[in-house]
Amino acid sequence: MDRAEISTHSIRHSTATHLLENGASVRHVQELLGHKSIETTVRYTHLQIDGLAKIYRKYHPREHELFEAVDEEYLRRFQALLGGT
């Protein structure tokens, strides 16, 4: 981040995001930031959802470039492990 991009708002935003990513409750972050409405604080959680979606797309076998490695044999063996037929 360039010095020109650093502002009080960006520091507050980063702090809120890091707190939420590390398990702080939305209510505690709301109090810390002084937001009157919980909806204002909840906006920070969209970053968590975006991050989870990126991880899901990267590692889930049906969502990334290695999907071709999941063939009928793999699915059959996987189903057998789950106790299916």
PDB file of N, CA and C in Angstrom:
ATOM      1  N   MET A   1       0.854  -1.172   0.000  1.00  0.00           N
ATOM      2  CA  MET A   1       0.000   0.000   0.000  1.00  0.00           C
ATOM      3  C   MET A   1       0.901   1.237   0.000  1.00  0.00           C
ATOM      4  N   ASP A   2       0.655   2.154  -0.911  1.00  0.00           N
ATOM      5  CA  ASP A   2       1.406   3.395  -0.965  1.00  0.00           C
ATOM      6  C   ASP A   2       0.963   4.317   0.159  1.00  0.00           C
ATOM      7  N   ARG A   3       1.859   5.201   0.544  1.00  0.00           N
ATOM      8  CA  ARG A   3       1.513   6.151   1.618  1.00  0.00           C
ATOM      9  C   ARG A   3       0.257   6.951   1.284  1.00  0.00           C
ATOM     10  N   ALA A   4       0.072   7.264   0.009  1.00  0.00           N
ATOM     11  CA  ALA A   4      -1.105   8.031  -0.400  1.00  0.00           C
ATOM     12  C   ALA A   4      -2.393   7.254  -0.151  1.00  0.00           C
ATOM     13  N   GLU A   5      -2.298   5.916  -0.122  1.00  0.00           N
ATOM     14  CA  GLU A   5      -3.480   5.080   0.077  1.00  0.00           C
ATOM     15  C   GLU A   5      -3.799   4.849   1.547  1.00  0.00           C
ATOM     16  N   ILE A   6      -2.879   5.185   2.433  1.00  0.00           N
ATOM     17  CA  ILE A   6      -3.102   4.973   3.861  1.00  0.00           C
ATOM     18  C   ILE A   6      -3.914   6.143   4.420  1.00  0.00           C
ATOM     19  N   SER A   7      -5.010   5.779   5.053  1.00  0.00           N
ATOM     20  CA  SER A   7      -5.869   6.793   5.655  1.00  0.00           C
ATOM     21  C   SER A   7      -6.451   6.220   6.934  1.00  0.00           C
ATOM     22  N   THR A   8      -7.079   7.067   7.695  1.00  0.00           N
ATOM     23  CA  THR A   8      -7.751   6.610   8.908  1.00  0.00           C
ATOM     24  C   THR A   8      -8.796   5.557   8.551  1.00  0.00           C
ATOM     25  N   HIS A   9      -9.522   5.797   7.472  1.00  0.00           N
ATOM     26  CA  HIS A   9     -10.552   4.854   7.054  1.00  0.00           C
ATOM     27  C   HIS A   9      -9.934   3.504   6.681  1.00  0.00           C
ATOM     28  N   SER A  10      -8.827   3.501   5.932  1.00  0.00           N
ATOM     29  CA  SER A  10      -8.220   2.230   5.534  1.00  0.00           C
ATOM     30  C   SER A  10      -7.694   1.459   6.743  1.00  0.00           C
ATOM     31  N   ILE A  11      -7.193   2.166   7.736  1.00  0.00           N
ATOM     32  CA  ILE A  11      -6.712   1.507   8.959  1.00  0.00           C
ATOM     33  C   ILE A  11      -7.889   0.909   9.725  1.00  0.00           C
ATOM     34  N   ARG A  12      -8.977   1.654   9.848  1.00  0.00           N
ATOM     35  CA  ARG A  12     -10.175   1.129  10.520  1.00  0.00           C
ATOM     36  C   ARG A  12     -10.719  -0.091   9.781  1.00  0.00           C
ATOM     37  N   HIS A  13     -10.754   0.017   8.452  1.00  0.00           N
ATOM     38  CA  HIS A  13     -11.258  -1.071   7.625  1.00  0.00           C
ATOM     39  C   HIS A  13     -10.383  -2.314   7.785  1.00  0.00           C
ATOM     40  N   SER A  14      -9.083  -2.150   7.728  1.00  0.00           N
ATOM     41  CA  SER A  14      -8.153  -3.279   7.889  1.00  0.00           C
ATOM     42  C   SER A  14      -8.283  -3.907   9.264  1.00  0.00           C
ATOM     43  N   THR A  15      -8.368  -3.070  10.284  1.00  0.00           N
ATOM     44  CA  THR A  15      -8.498  -3.575  11.649  1.00  0.00           C
ATOM     45  C   THR A  15      -9.772  -4.401  11.799  1.00  0.00           C
ATOM     46  N   ALA A  16     -10.883  -3.870  11.310  1.00  0.00           N
ATOM     47  CA  ALA A  16     -12.150  -4.589  11.402  1.00  0.00           C
ATOM     48  C   ALA A  16     -12.076  -5.917  10.663  1.00  0.00           C
ATOM     49  N   THR A  17     -11.509  -5.904   9.469  1.00  0.00           N
ATOM     50  CA  THR A  17     -11.399  -7.120   8.673  1.00  0.00           C
ATOM     51  C   THR A  17     -10.549  -8.165   9.382  1.00  0.00           C
ATOM     52  N   HIS A  18      -9.395  -7.752   9.906  1.00  0.00           N
ATOM     53  CA  HIS A  18      -8.513  -8.689  10.609  1.00  0.00           C
ATOM     54  C   HIS A  18      -9.173  -9.249  11.867  1.00  0.00           C
ATOM     55  N   LEU A  19      -9.880  -8.414  12.596  1.00  0.00           N
ATOM     56  CA  LEU A  19     -10.573  -8.894  13.788  1.00  0.00           C
ATOM     57  C   LEU A  19     -11.609  -9.954  13.431  1.00  0.00           C
ATOM     58  N   LEU A  20     -12.405  -9.679  12.411  1.00  0.00           N
ATOM     59  CA  LEU A  20     -13.440 -10.628  12.002  1.00  0.00           C
ATOM     60  C   LEU A  20     -12.824 -11.917  11.470  1.00  0.00           C
ATOM     61  N   GLU A  21     -11.760 -11.802  10.689  1.00  0.00           N
ATOM     62  CA  GLU A  21     -11.106 -12.996  10.139  1.00  0.00           C
ATOM     63  C   GLU A  21     -10.503 -13.867  11.235  1.00  0.00           C
ATOM     64  N   ASN A  22     -10.188 -13.270  12.366  1.00  0.00           N
ATOM     65  CA  ASN A  22      -9.560 -14.014  13.449  1.00  0.00           C
ATOM     66  C   ASN A  22     -10.518 -14.338  14.585  1.00  0.00           C
ATOM     67  N   GLY A  23     -11.818 -14.263  14.290  1.00  0.00           N
ATOM     68  CA  GLY A  23     -12.799 -14.778  15.224  1.00  0.00           C
ATOM     69  C   GLY A  23     -13.542 -13.790  16.106  1.00  0.00           C
ATOM     70  N   ALA A  24     -13.268 -12.507  15.958  1.00  0.00           N
ATOM     71  CA  ALA A  24     -14.009 -11.531  16.769  1.00  0.00           C
ATOM     72  C   ALA A  24     -15.467 -11.507  16.315  1.00  0.00           C
ATOM     73  N   SER A  25     -16.353 -11.272  17.241  1.00  0.00           N
ATOM     74  CA  SER A  25     -17.769 -11.209  16.878  1.00  0.00           C
ATOM     75  C   SER A  25     -18.073  -9.865  16.222  1.00  0.00           C
ATOM     76  N   VAL A  26     -19.088  -9.882  15.376  1.00  0.00           N
ATOM     77  CA  VAL A  26     -19.488  -8.661  14.688  1.00  0.00           C
ATOM     78  C   VAL A  26     -19.908  -7.603  15.708  1.00  0.00           C
ATOM     79  N   ARG A  27     -20.555  -8.022  16.781  1.00  0.00           N
ATOM     80  CA  ARG A  27     -21.000  -7.080  17.821  1.00  0.00           C
ATOM     81  C   ARG A  27     -19.808  -6.372  18.477  1.00  0.00           C
ATOM     82  N   HIS A  28     -18.726  -7.138  18.766  1.00  0.00           N
ATOM     83  CA  HIS A  28     -17.552  -6.521  19.372  1.00  0.00           C
ATOM     84  C   HIS A  28     -16.897  -5.528  18.422  1.00  0.00           C
ATOM     85  N   VAL A  29     -16.818  -5.900  17.153  1.00  0.00           N
ATOM     86  CA  VAL A  29     -16.232  -4.998  16.163  1.00  0.00           C
ATOM     87  C   VAL A  29     -17.110  -3.761  16.004  1.00  0.00           C
ATOM     88  N   GLN A  30     -18.419  -3.943  16.050  1.00  0.00           N
ATOM     89  CA  GLN A  30     -19.346  -2.813  15.983  1.00  0.00           C
ATOM     90  C   GLN A  30     -19.059  -1.829  17.115  1.00  0.00           C
ATOM     91  N   GLU A  31     -18.920  -2.341  18.326  1.00  0.00           N
ATOM     92  CA  GLU A  31     -18.628  -1.494  19.486  1.00  0.00           C
ATOM     93  C   GLU A  31     -17.284  -0.787  19.330  1.00  0.00           C
ATOM     94  N   LEU A  32     -16.275  -1.519  18.895  1.00  0.00           N
ATOM     95  CA  LEU A  32     -14.942  -0.952  18.732  1.00  0.00           C
ATOM     96  C   LEU A  32     -14.935   0.189  17.719  1.00  0.00           C
ATOM     97  N   LEU A  33     -15.658  -0.002  16.615  1.00  0.00           N
ATOM     98  CA  LEU A  33     -15.688   1.025  15.576  1.00  0.00           C
ATOM     99  C   LEU A  33     -16.684   2.144  15.868  1.00  0.00           C
ATOM    100  N   GLY A  34     -17.577   1.908  16.822  1.00  0.00           N
ATOM    101  CA  GLY A  34     -18.558   2.937  17.171  1.00  0.00           C
ATOM    102  C   GLY A  34     -19.714   3.037  16.189  1.00  0.00           C
ATOM    103  N   HIS A  35     -19.991   1.966  15.472  1.00  0.00           N
ATOM    104  CA  HIS A  35     -21.104   1.971  14.537  1.00  0.00           C
ATOM    105  C   HIS A  35     -22.420   1.894  15.306  1.00  0.00           C
ATOM    106  N   LYS A  36     -23.371   2.721  14.938  1.00  0.00           N
ATOM    107  CA  LYS A  36     -24.688   2.671  15.572  1.00  0.00           C
ATOM    108  C   LYS A  36     -25.492   1.487  15.054  1.00  0.00           C
ATOM    109  N   SER A  37     -25.308   1.153  13.787  1.00  0.00           N
ATOM    110  CA  SER A  37     -26.071   0.083  13.164  1.00  0.00           C
ATOM    111  C   SER A  37     -25.167  -1.119  12.893  1.00  0.00           C
ATOM    112  N   ILE A  38     -25.649  -2.311  13.226  1.00  0.00           N
ATOM    113  CA  ILE A  38     -24.895  -3.536  12.971  1.00  0.00           C
ATOM    114  C   ILE A  38     -24.715  -3.751  11.465  1.00  0.00           C
ATOM    115  N   GLU A  39     -25.659  -3.260  10.653  1.00  0.00           N
ATOM    116  CA  GLU A  39     -25.558  -3.413   9.204  1.00  0.00           C
ATOM    117  C   GLU A  39     -24.304  -2.739   8.651  1.00  0.00           C
ATOM    118  N   THR A  40     -23.916  -1.626   9.263  1.00  0.00           N
ATOM    119  CA  THR A  40     -22.693  -0.942   8.834  1.00  0.00           C
ATOM    120  C   THR A  40     -21.483  -1.838   9.046  1.00  0.00           C
ATOM    121  N   THR A  41     -21.443  -2.522  10.175  1.00  0.00           N
ATOM    122  CA  THR A  41     -20.319  -3.408  10.489  1.00  0.00           C
ATOM    123  C   THR A  41     -20.355  -4.666   9.642  1.00  0.00           C
ATOM    124  N   VAL A  42     -21.534  -5.173   9.369  1.00  0.00           N
ATOM    125  CA  VAL A  42     -21.675  -6.405   8.602  1.00  0.00           C
ATOM    126  C   VAL A  42     -21.082  -6.263   7.202  1.00  0.00           C
ATOM    127  N   ARG A  43     -21.008  -5.054   6.691  1.00  0.00           N
ATOM    128  CA  ARG A  43     -20.417  -4.839   5.365  1.00  0.00           C
ATOM    129  C   ARG A  43     -18.988  -5.377   5.292  1.00  0.00           C
ATOM    130  N   TYR A  44     -18.293  -5.378   6.413  1.00  0.00           N
ATOM    131  CA  TYR A  44     -16.916  -5.872   6.424  1.00  0.00           C
ATOM    132  C   TYR A  44     -16.852  -7.379   6.204  1.00  0.00           C
ATOM    133  N   THR A  45     -17.927  -8.082   6.492  1.00  0.00           N
ATOM    134  CA  THR A  45     -17.905  -9.536   6.369  1.00  0.00           C
ATOM    135  C   THR A  45     -17.911 -10.001   4.923  1.00  0.00           C
ATOM    136  N   HIS A  46     -18.260  -9.124   3.974  1.00  0.00           N
ATOM    137  CA  HIS A  46     -18.242  -9.550   2.574  1.00  0.00           C
ATOM    138  C   HIS A  46     -16.842  -9.949   2.144  1.00  0.00           C
ATOM    139  N   LEU A  47     -15.829  -9.372   2.748  1.00  0.00           N
ATOM    140  CA  LEU A  47     -14.445  -9.737   2.429  1.00  0.00           C
ATOM    141  C   LEU A  47     -14.163 -11.166   2.840  1.00  0.00           C
ATOM    142  N   GLN A  48     -14.707 -11.583   3.976  1.00  0.00           N
ATOM    143  CA  GLN A  48     -14.533 -12.964   4.417  1.00  0.00           C
ATOM    144  C   GLN A  48     -15.186 -13.920   3.439  1.00  0.00           C
ATOM    145  N   ILE A  49     -16.379 -13.591   2.997  1.00  0.00           N
ATOM    146  CA  ILE A  49     -17.106 -14.457   2.071  1.00  0.00           C
ATOM    147  C   ILE A  49     -16.366 -14.539   0.745  1.00  0.00           C
ATOM    148  N   ASP A  50     -15.863 -13.397   0.256  1.00  0.00           N
ATOM    149  CA  ASP A  50     -15.091 -13.406  -0.982  1.00  0.00           C
ATOM    150  C   ASP A  50     -13.850 -14.271  -0.839  1.00  0.00           C
ATOM    151  N   GLY A  51     -13.174 -14.177   0.294  1.00  0.00           N
ATOM    152  CA  GLY A  51     -11.976 -14.969   0.533  1.00  0.00           C
ATOM    153  C   GLY A  51     -12.273 -16.450   0.575  1.00  0.00           C
ATOM    154  N   LEU A  52     -13.366 -16.820   1.237  1.00  0.00           N
ATOM    155  CA  LEU A  52     -13.764 -18.228   1.292  1.00  0.00           C
ATOM    156  C   LEU A  52     -14.125 -18.750  -0.092  1.00  0.00           C
ATOM    157  N   ALA A  53     -14.787 -17.928  -0.886  1.00  0.00           N
ATOM    158  CA  ALA A  53     -15.152 -18.353  -2.234  1.00  0.00           C
ATOM    159  C   ALA A  53     -13.903 -18.609  -3.078  1.00  0.00           C
ATOM    160  N   LYS A  54     -12.885 -17.764  -2.934  1.00  0.00           N
ATOM    161  CA  LYS A  54     -11.639 -17.965  -3.678  1.00  0.00           C
ATOM    162  C   LYS A  54     -10.961 -19.262  -3.259  1.00  0.00           C
ATOM    163  N   ILE A  55     -10.928 -19.535  -1.976  1.00  0.00           N
ATOM    164  CA  ILE A  55     -10.319 -20.776  -1.483  1.00  0.00           C
ATOM    165  C   ILE A  55     -11.102 -21.975  -1.999  1.00  0.00           C
ATOM    166  N   TYR A  56     -12.415 -21.902  -1.954  1.00  0.00           N
ATOM    167  CA  TYR A  56     -13.258 -22.989  -2.440  1.00  0.00           C
ATOM    168  C   TYR A  56     -12.967 -23.267  -3.912  1.00  0.00           C
ATOM    169  N   ARG A  57     -12.965 -22.213  -4.734  1.00  0.00           N
ATOM    170  CA  ARG A  57     -12.719 -22.398  -6.162  1.00  0.00           C
ATOM    171  C   ARG A  57     -11.326 -22.944  -6.430  1.00  0.00           C
ATOM    172  N   LYS A  58     -10.370 -22.571  -5.609  1.00  0.00           N
ATOM    173  CA  LYS A  58      -8.995 -23.021  -5.825  1.00  0.00           C
ATOM    174  C   LYS A  58      -8.810 -24.492  -5.478  1.00  0.00           C
ATOM    175  N   TYR A  59      -9.448 -24.977  -4.407  1.00  0.00           N
ATOM    176  CA  TYR A  59      -9.155 -26.311  -3.899  1.00  0.00           C
ATOM    177  C   TYR A  59     -10.233 -27.364  -4.132  1.00  0.00           C
ATOM    178  N   HIS A  60     -11.458 -26.977  -4.386  1.00  0.00           N
ATOM    179  CA  HIS A  60     -12.509 -27.964  -4.586  1.00  0.00           C
ATOM    180  C   HIS A  60     -12.295 -28.647  -5.934  1.00  0.00           C
ATOM    181  N   PRO A  61     -12.322 -30.002  -5.955  1.00  0.00           N
ATOM    182  CA  PRO A  61     -11.988 -30.716  -7.196  1.00  0.00           C
ATOM    183  C   PRO A  61     -12.900 -30.411  -8.375  1.00  0.00           C
ATOM    184  N   ARG A  62     -14.089 -29.980  -8.135  1.00  0.00           N
ATOM    185  CA  ARG A  62     -14.987 -29.677  -9.253  1.00  0.00           C
ATOM    186  C   ARG A  62     -14.941 -28.202  -9.666  1.00  0.00           C
ATOM    187  N   GLU A  63     -14.069 -27.434  -9.054  1.00  0.00           N
ATOM    188  CA  GLU A  63     -14.043 -26.004  -9.321  1.00  0.00           C
ATOM    189  C   GLU A  63     -12.723 -25.477  -9.874  1.00  0.00           C
ATOM    190  N   HIS A  64     -11.732 -26.332 -10.047  1.00  0.00           N
ATOM    191  CA  HIS A  64     -10.467 -25.813 -10.556  1.00  0.00           C
ATOM    192  C   HIS A  64      -9.921 -26.670 -11.684  1.00  0.00           C
ATOM    193  N   GLU A  65      -8.770 -26.300 -12.196  1.00  0.00           N
ATOM    194  CA  GLU A  65      -8.222 -26.923 -13.398  1.00  0.00           C
ATOM    195  C   GLU A  65      -7.912 -28.411 -13.253  1.00  0.00           C
ATOM    196  N   LEU A  66      -7.852 -28.950 -12.057  1.00  0.00           N
ATOM    197  CA  LEU A  66      -7.584 -30.374 -11.875  1.00  0.00           C
ATOM    198  C   LEU A  66      -8.853 -31.218 -11.936  1.00  0.00           C
ATOM    199  N   PHE A  67      -9.964 -30.610 -12.278  1.00  0.00           N
ATOM    200  CA  PHE A  67     -11.228 -31.334 -12.332  1.00  0.00           C
ATOM    201  C   PHE A  67     -11.144 -32.559 -13.244  1.00  0.00           C
ATOM    202  N   GLU A  68     -10.341 -32.464 -14.306  1.00  0.00           N
ATOM    203  CA  GLU A  68     -10.220 -33.578 -15.228  1.00  0.00           C
ATOM    204  C   GLU A  68      -9.720 -34.837 -14.518  1.00  0.00           C
ATOM    205  N   ALA A  69      -8.988 -34.690 -13.408  1.00  0.00           N
ATOM    206  CA  ALA A  69      -8.464 -35.837 -12.672  1.00  0.00           C
ATOM    207  C   ALA A  69      -9.570 -36.601 -11.941  1.00  0.00           C
ATOM    208  N   VAL A  70     -10.719 -35.987 -11.784  1.00  0.00           N
ATOM    209  CA  VAL A  70     -11.845 -36.644 -11.124  1.00  0.00           C
ATOM    210  C   VAL A  70     -12.662 -37.339 -12.197  1.00  0.00           C
ATOM    211  N   ASP A  71     -12.451 -38.642 -12.315  1.00  0.00           N
ATOM    212  CA  ASP A  71     -13.156 -39.415 -13.329  1.00  0.00           C
ATOM    213  C   ASP A  71     -14.165 -40.347 -12.664  1.00  0.00           C
ATOM    214  N   GLU A  72     -14.797 -41.189 -13.459  1.00  0.00           N
ATOM    215  CA  GLU A  72     -15.815 -42.103 -12.940  1.00  0.00           C
ATOM    216  C   GLU A  72     -15.249 -43.065 -11.895  1.00  0.00           C
ATOM    217  N   GLU A  73     -14.033 -43.556 -12.117  1.00  0.00           N
ATOM    218  CA  GLU A  73     -13.390 -44.469 -11.160  1.00  0.00           C
ATOM    219  C   GLU A  73     -13.178 -43.782  -9.820  1.00  0.00           C
ATOM    220  N   TYR A  74     -12.698 -42.555  -9.866  1.00  0.00           N
ATOM    221  CA  TYR A  74     -12.487 -41.789  -8.634  1.00  0.00           C
ATOM    222  C   TYR A  74     -13.815 -41.618  -7.891  1.00  0.00           C
ATOM    223  N   LEU A  75     -14.844 -41.223  -8.599  1.00  0.00           N
ATOM    224  CA  LEU A  75     -16.149 -41.012  -7.976  1.00  0.00           C
ATOM    225  C   LEU A  75     -16.700 -42.310  -7.395  1.00  0.00           C
ATOM    226  N   ARG A  76     -16.523 -43.444  -8.096  1.00  0.00           N
ATOM    227  CA  ARG A  76     -16.989 -44.730  -7.599  1.00  0.00           C
ATOM    228  C   ARG A  76     -16.279 -45.091  -6.296  1.00  0.00           C
ATOM    229  N   ARG A  77     -14.949 -44.926  -6.259  1.00  0.00           N
ATOM    230  CA  ARG A  77     -14.182 -45.250  -5.065  1.00  0.00           C
ATOM    231  C   ARG A  77     -14.535 -44.302  -3.915  1.00  0.00           C
ATOM    232  N   PHE A  78     -14.739 -43.050  -4.236  1.00  0.00           N
ATOM    233  CA  PHE A  78     -15.121 -42.075  -3.215  1.00  0.00           C
ATOM    234  C   PHE A  78     -16.477 -42.434  -2.610  1.00  0.00           C
ATOM    235  N   GLN A  79     -17.407 -42.797  -3.463  1.00  0.00           N
ATOM    236  CA  GLN A  79     -18.747 -43.190  -3.000  1.00  0.00           C
ATOM    237  C   GLN A  79     -18.664 -44.420  -2.123  1.00  0.00           C
ATOM    238  N   ALA A  80     -17.784 -45.379  -2.475  1.00  0.00           N
ATOM    239  CA  ALA A  80     -17.608 -46.591  -1.668  1.00  0.00           C
ATOM    240  C   ALA A  80     -17.073 -46.243  -0.284  1.00  0.00           C
ATOM    241  N   LEU A  81     -16.179 -45.279  -0.222  1.00  0.00           N
ATOM    242  CA  LEU A  81     -15.648 -44.845   1.082  1.00  0.00           C
ATOM    243  C   LEU A  81     -16.745 -44.253   1.961  1.00  0.00           C
ATOM    244  N   LEU A  82     -17.694 -43.594   1.332  1.00  0.00           N
ATOM    245  CA  LEU A  82     -18.800 -42.998   2.072  1.00  0.00           C
ATOM    246  C   LEU A  82     -19.852 -44.014   2.471  1.00  0.00           C
ATOM    247  N   GLY A  83     -19.680 -45.266   1.998  1.00  0.00           N
ATOM    248  CA  GLY A  83     -20.629 -46.311   2.348  1.00  0.00           C
ATOM    249  C   GLY A  83     -21.732 -46.473   1.339  1.00  0.00           C
ATOM    250  N   GLY A  84     -21.635 -45.762   0.229  1.00  0.00           N
ATOM    251  CA  GLY A  84     -22.645 -45.894  -0.832  1.00  0.00           C
ATOM    252  C   GLY A  84     -22.282 -46.999  -1.786  1.00  0.00           C
ATOM    253  N   THR A  85     -23.089 -47.150  -2.792  1.00  0.00           N
ATOM    254  CA  THR A  85     -22.822 -48.197  -3.786  1.00  0.00           C
ATOM    255  C   THR A  85     -22.148 -47.644  -5.009  1.00  0.00           C
TER     256      THR A  85
END
